[in-house]
C-alpha atoms as a PDB file:
ATOM      1  CA  UNK A   1      95.310  83.690  91.961  1.00  0.00           C
ATOM      2  CA  UNK A   2      93.936  83.599  95.479  1.00  0.00           C
ATOM      3  CA  UNK A   3      96.503  85.224  97.766  1.00  0.00           C
ATOM      4  CA  UNK A   4      95.084  83.305 100.725  1.00  0.00           C
ATOM      5  CA  UNK A   5      96.649  80.178  99.213  1.00  0.00           C
ATOM      6  CA  UNK A   6     100.117  81.731  98.954  1.00  0.00           C
ATOM      7  CA  UNK A   7     100.115  83.869 102.098  1.00  0.00           C
ATOM      8  CA  UNK A   8     101.517  81.045 104.195  1.00  0.00           C
ATOM      9  CA  UNK A   9     103.617  77.917 103.968  1.00  0.00           C
ATOM     10  CA  UNK A  10     102.026  74.495 104.519  1.00  0.00           C
ATOM     11  CA  UNK A  11     101.388  74.010 108.224  1.00  0.00           C
ATOM     12  CA  UNK A  12     101.768  77.737 108.971  1.00  0.00           C
ATOM     13  CA  UNK A  13      98.824  79.921 109.968  1.00  0.00           C
ATOM     14  CA  UNK A  14      97.603  82.282 107.295  1.00  0.00           C
ATOM     15  CA  UNK A  15      98.746  85.881 107.689  1.00  0.00           C
ATOM     16  CA  UNK A  16      95.533  87.127 106.106  1.00  0.00           C
ATOM     17  CA  UNK A  17      93.424  88.285 109.045  1.00  0.00           C
ATOM     18  CA  UNK A  18      89.687  88.221 109.298  1.00  0.00           C
ATOM     19  CA  UNK A  19      87.469  91.295 109.217  1.00  0.00           C
ATOM     20  CA  UNK A  20      87.563  93.248 112.453  1.00  0.00           C
ATOM     21  CA  UNK A  21      89.909  90.780 114.120  1.00  0.00           C
ATOM     22  CA  UNK A  22      91.438  92.085 117.319  1.00  0.00           C
ATOM     23  CA  UNK A  23      95.172  91.728 117.997  1.00  0.00           C
ATOM     24  CA  UNK A  24      96.048  92.701 121.539  1.00  0.00           C
ATOM     25  CA  UNK A  25      94.873  96.254 122.112  1.00  0.00           C
ATOM     26  CA  UNK A  26      94.898  97.043 118.389  1.00  0.00           C
ATOM     27  CA  UNK A  27      91.699  96.717 116.385  1.00  0.00           C
ATOM     28  CA  UNK A  28      92.191  95.906 112.697  1.00  0.00           C
ATOM     29  CA  UNK A  29      89.796  97.155 110.047  1.00  0.00           C
ATOM     30  CA  UNK A  30      90.240  95.523 106.644  1.00  0.00           C
ATOM     31  CA  UNK A  31      87.675  96.390 103.996  1.00  0.00           C
ATOM     32  CA  UNK A  32      84.871  93.908 103.401  1.00  0.00           C
ATOM     33  CA  UNK A  33      86.009  91.638 100.555  1.00  0.00           C
ATOM     34  CA  UNK A  34      82.562  91.560  98.915  1.00  0.00           C
ATOM     35  CA  UNK A  35      82.373  95.364  98.802  1.00  0.00           C
ATOM     36  CA  UNK A  36      86.058  96.006  98.059  1.00  0.00           C
ATOM     37  CA  UNK A  37      85.905  96.215  94.262  1.00  0.00           C
ATOM     38  CA  UNK A  38      83.031  98.689  94.120  1.00  0.00           C
ATOM     39  CA  UNK A  39      84.199 100.892  96.955  1.00  0.00           C
ATOM     40  CA  UNK A  40      87.993 100.807  96.571  1.00  0.00           C
ATOM     41  CA  UNK A  41      88.880  99.675  93.057  1.00  0.00           C
ATOM     42  CA  UNK A  42      85.859 100.266  90.834  1.00  0.00           C
ATOM     43  CA  UNK A  43      87.908 101.105  87.759  1.00  0.00           C
ATOM     44  CA  UNK A  44      90.113  98.002  87.852  1.00  0.00           C
ATOM     45  CA  UNK A  45      89.418  94.605  86.289  1.00  0.00           C
ATOM     46  CA  UNK A  46      87.388  92.458  88.691  1.00  0.00           C
ATOM     47  CA  UNK A  47      90.166  89.859  89.095  1.00  0.00           C
ATOM     48  CA  UNK A  48      92.688  92.543  90.035  1.00  0.00           C
ATOM     49  CA  UNK A  49      90.285  94.132  92.536  1.00  0.00           C
ATOM     50  CA  UNK A  50      89.607  90.706  94.076  1.00  0.00           C
ATOM     51  CA  UNK A  51      93.352  90.055  94.387  1.00  0.00           C
ATOM     52  CA  UNK A  52      93.761  93.427  96.115  1.00  0.00           C
ATOM     53  CA  UNK A  53      90.878  92.579  98.466  1.00  0.00           C
ATOM     54  CA  UNK A  54      92.495  89.273  99.384  1.00  0.00           C
ATOM     55  CA  UNK A  55      95.959  90.773  99.852  1.00  0.00           C
ATOM     56  CA  UNK A  56      95.031  93.852 101.887  1.00  0.00           C
ATOM     57  CA  UNK A  57      96.965  94.395 105.083  1.00  0.00           C
ATOM     58  CA  UNK A  58      94.654  95.311 107.957  1.00  0.00           C
ATOM     59  CA  UNK A  59      95.310  98.716 109.441  1.00  0.00           C
ATOM     60  CA  UNK A  60      94.661  99.714 113.011  1.00  0.00           C
ATOM     61  CA  UNK A  61      91.724 102.060 113.500  1.00  0.00           C
ATOM     62  CA  UNK A  62      93.899 103.881 116.020  1.00  0.00           C
ATOM     63  CA  UNK A  63      95.506 105.513 112.972  1.00  0.00           C
ATOM     64  CA  UNK A  64      92.381 107.662 112.655  1.00  0.00           C
ATOM     65  CA  UNK A  65      93.188 109.365 115.965  1.00  0.00           C
ATOM     66  CA  UNK A  66      96.801 110.148 115.156  1.00  0.00           C
ATOM     67  CA  UNK A  67      98.062 113.698 115.607  1.00  0.00           C
ATOM     68  CA  UNK A  68     100.574 115.569 113.491  1.00  0.00           C
ATOM     69  CA  UNK A  69     102.425 118.249 115.428  1.00  0.00           C
ATOM     70  CA  UNK A  70     103.867 120.154 112.448  1.00  0.00           C
ATOM     71  CA  UNK A  71     102.070 119.489 109.148  1.00  0.00           C
ATOM     72  CA  UNK A  72     104.425 119.945 106.202  1.00  0.00           C
ATOM     73  CA  UNK A  73     101.743 121.742 104.180  1.00  0.00           C
ATOM     74  CA  UNK A  74     102.014 124.742 106.502  1.00  0.00           C
ATOM     75  CA  UNK A  75     105.557 125.466 105.325  1.00  0.00           C
ATOM     76  CA  UNK A  76     105.854 123.623 101.978  1.00  0.00           C
ATOM     77  CA  UNK A  77     103.883 123.599  98.760  1.00  0.00           C
ATOM     78  CA  UNK A  78     101.416 120.758  98.423  1.00  0.00           C
ATOM     79  CA  UNK A  79      99.802 118.816  95.581  1.00  0.00           C
ATOM     80  CA  UNK A  80      96.663 116.727  95.656  1.00  0.00           C
ATOM     81  CA  UNK A  81      95.314 114.293  93.087  1.00  0.00           C
ATOM     82  CA  UNK A  82      91.522 114.262  93.329  1.00  0.00           C
ATOM     83  CA  UNK A  83      90.054 110.927  92.260  1.00  0.00           C
ATOM     84  CA  UNK A  84      86.606 111.965  91.051  1.00  0.00           C
ATOM     85  CA  UNK A  85      85.163 108.428  91.164  1.00  0.00           C
ATOM     86  CA  UNK A  86      86.521 107.675  94.655  1.00  0.00           C
ATOM     87  CA  UNK A  87      83.976 105.966  96.922  1.00  0.00           C
ATOM     88  CA  UNK A  88      86.268 105.856  99.960  1.00  0.00           C
ATOM     89  CA  UNK A  89      86.932 109.598 100.236  1.00  0.00           C
ATOM     90  CA  UNK A  90      84.117 111.508  98.515  1.00  0.00           C
ATOM     91  CA  UNK A  91      85.360 114.089  95.991  1.00  0.00           C
ATOM     92  CA  UNK A  92      83.795 117.004  97.954  1.00  0.00           C
ATOM     93  CA  UNK A  93      85.874 115.928 100.980  1.00  0.00           C
ATOM     94  CA  UNK A  94      88.976 115.693  98.782  1.00  0.00           C
ATOM     95  CA  UNK A  95      88.300 119.210  97.490  1.00  0.00           C
ATOM     96  CA  UNK A  96      87.857 120.508 101.049  1.00  0.00           C
ATOM     97  CA  UNK A  97      91.096 118.882 102.230  1.00  0.00           C
ATOM     98  CA  UNK A  98      93.088 120.123  99.240  1.00  0.00           C
ATOM     99  CA  UNK A  99      91.689 123.657  99.623  1.00  0.00           C
ATOM    100  CA  UNK A 100      92.479 123.661 103.338  1.00  0.00           C
ATOM    101  CA  UNK A 101      96.141 122.960 102.662  1.00  0.00           C
ATOM    102  CA  UNK A 102      96.338 125.264  99.626  1.00  0.00           C
ATOM    103  CA  UNK A 103      97.296 122.403  97.330  1.00  0.00           C
ATOM    104  CA  UNK A 104      97.742 122.489  93.593  1.00  0.00           C
ATOM    105  CA  UNK A 105      95.148 119.984  92.414  1.00  0.00           C
ATOM    106  CA  UNK A 106      94.693 117.691  89.462  1.00  0.00           C
ATOM    107  CA  UNK A 107      91.449 115.795  88.910  1.00  0.00           C
ATOM    108  CA  UNK A 108      91.383 112.314  87.425  1.00  0.00           C
ATOM    109  CA  UNK A 109      88.352 110.139  86.711  1.00  0.00           C
ATOM    110  CA  UNK A 110      89.481 107.259  88.892  1.00  0.00           C
ATOM    111  CA  UNK A 111      88.698 105.218  91.987  1.00  0.00           C
ATOM    112  CA  UNK A 112      90.547 105.279  95.311  1.00  0.00           C
ATOM    113  CA  UNK A 113      93.046 102.945  93.603  1.00  0.00           C
ATOM    114  CA  UNK A 114      94.116 105.722  91.219  1.00  0.00           C
ATOM    115  CA  UNK A 115      97.773 104.790  91.720  1.00  0.00           C
ATOM    116  CA  UNK A 116      97.009 101.426  90.078  1.00  0.00           C
ATOM    117  CA  UNK A 117      94.378 102.420  87.502  1.00  0.00           C
ATOM    118  CA  UNK A 118      95.962 105.722  86.402  1.00  0.00           C
ATOM    119  CA  UNK A 119      99.705 105.421  87.128  1.00  0.00           C
ATOM    120  CA  UNK A 120     100.625 107.954  84.430  1.00  0.00           C
ATOM    121  CA  UNK A 121      98.436 110.635  86.036  1.00  0.00           C
ATOM    122  CA  UNK A 122     100.024 109.924  89.429  1.00  0.00           C
ATOM    123  CA  UNK A 123     103.538 110.050  87.948  1.00  0.00           C
ATOM    124  CA  UNK A 124     102.717 113.293  86.102  1.00  0.00           C
ATOM    125  CA  UNK A 125     101.620 114.950  89.345  1.00  0.00           C
ATOM    126  CA  UNK A 126     104.776 113.772  91.109  1.00  0.00           C
ATOM    127  CA  UNK A 127     106.908 115.153  88.258  1.00  0.00           C
ATOM    128  CA  UNK A 128     105.011 118.465  88.407  1.00  0.00           C
ATOM    129  CA  UNK A 129     105.674 118.710  92.149  1.00  0.00           C
ATOM    130  CA  UNK A 130     109.343 117.790  91.735  1.00  0.00           C
ATOM    131  CA  UNK A 131     109.869 120.472  89.077  1.00  0.00           C
ATOM    132  CA  UNK A 132     108.392 123.284  91.122  1.00  0.00           C
END
């Protein structure tokens, strides 16, 4: 199913925005559809990765400059699921981030879409955190 065909009603503009399209002062940055499967969802069936590519919601690059005044990890325990086949956030960067916050870690051979490809591993980590 091509989400671009169902994203709007007849006569209505599509809500699926183009790559790098600017909306007011916000700059959107969706992932390139042709590179999406390999970089974001490499462990999912091709049709599912293509659907995800077509249905992605652009995010504003301003999010990268956001500041957190009181990070929860400074006062609460943290957990981190390291996706060892992630091509969006390299595993060494994931290790560095999880070490910085003192997180309990679990490693899973999965892409950035680990929540879709390995839902049981994600749920197990959430249960582990909830029990502690």
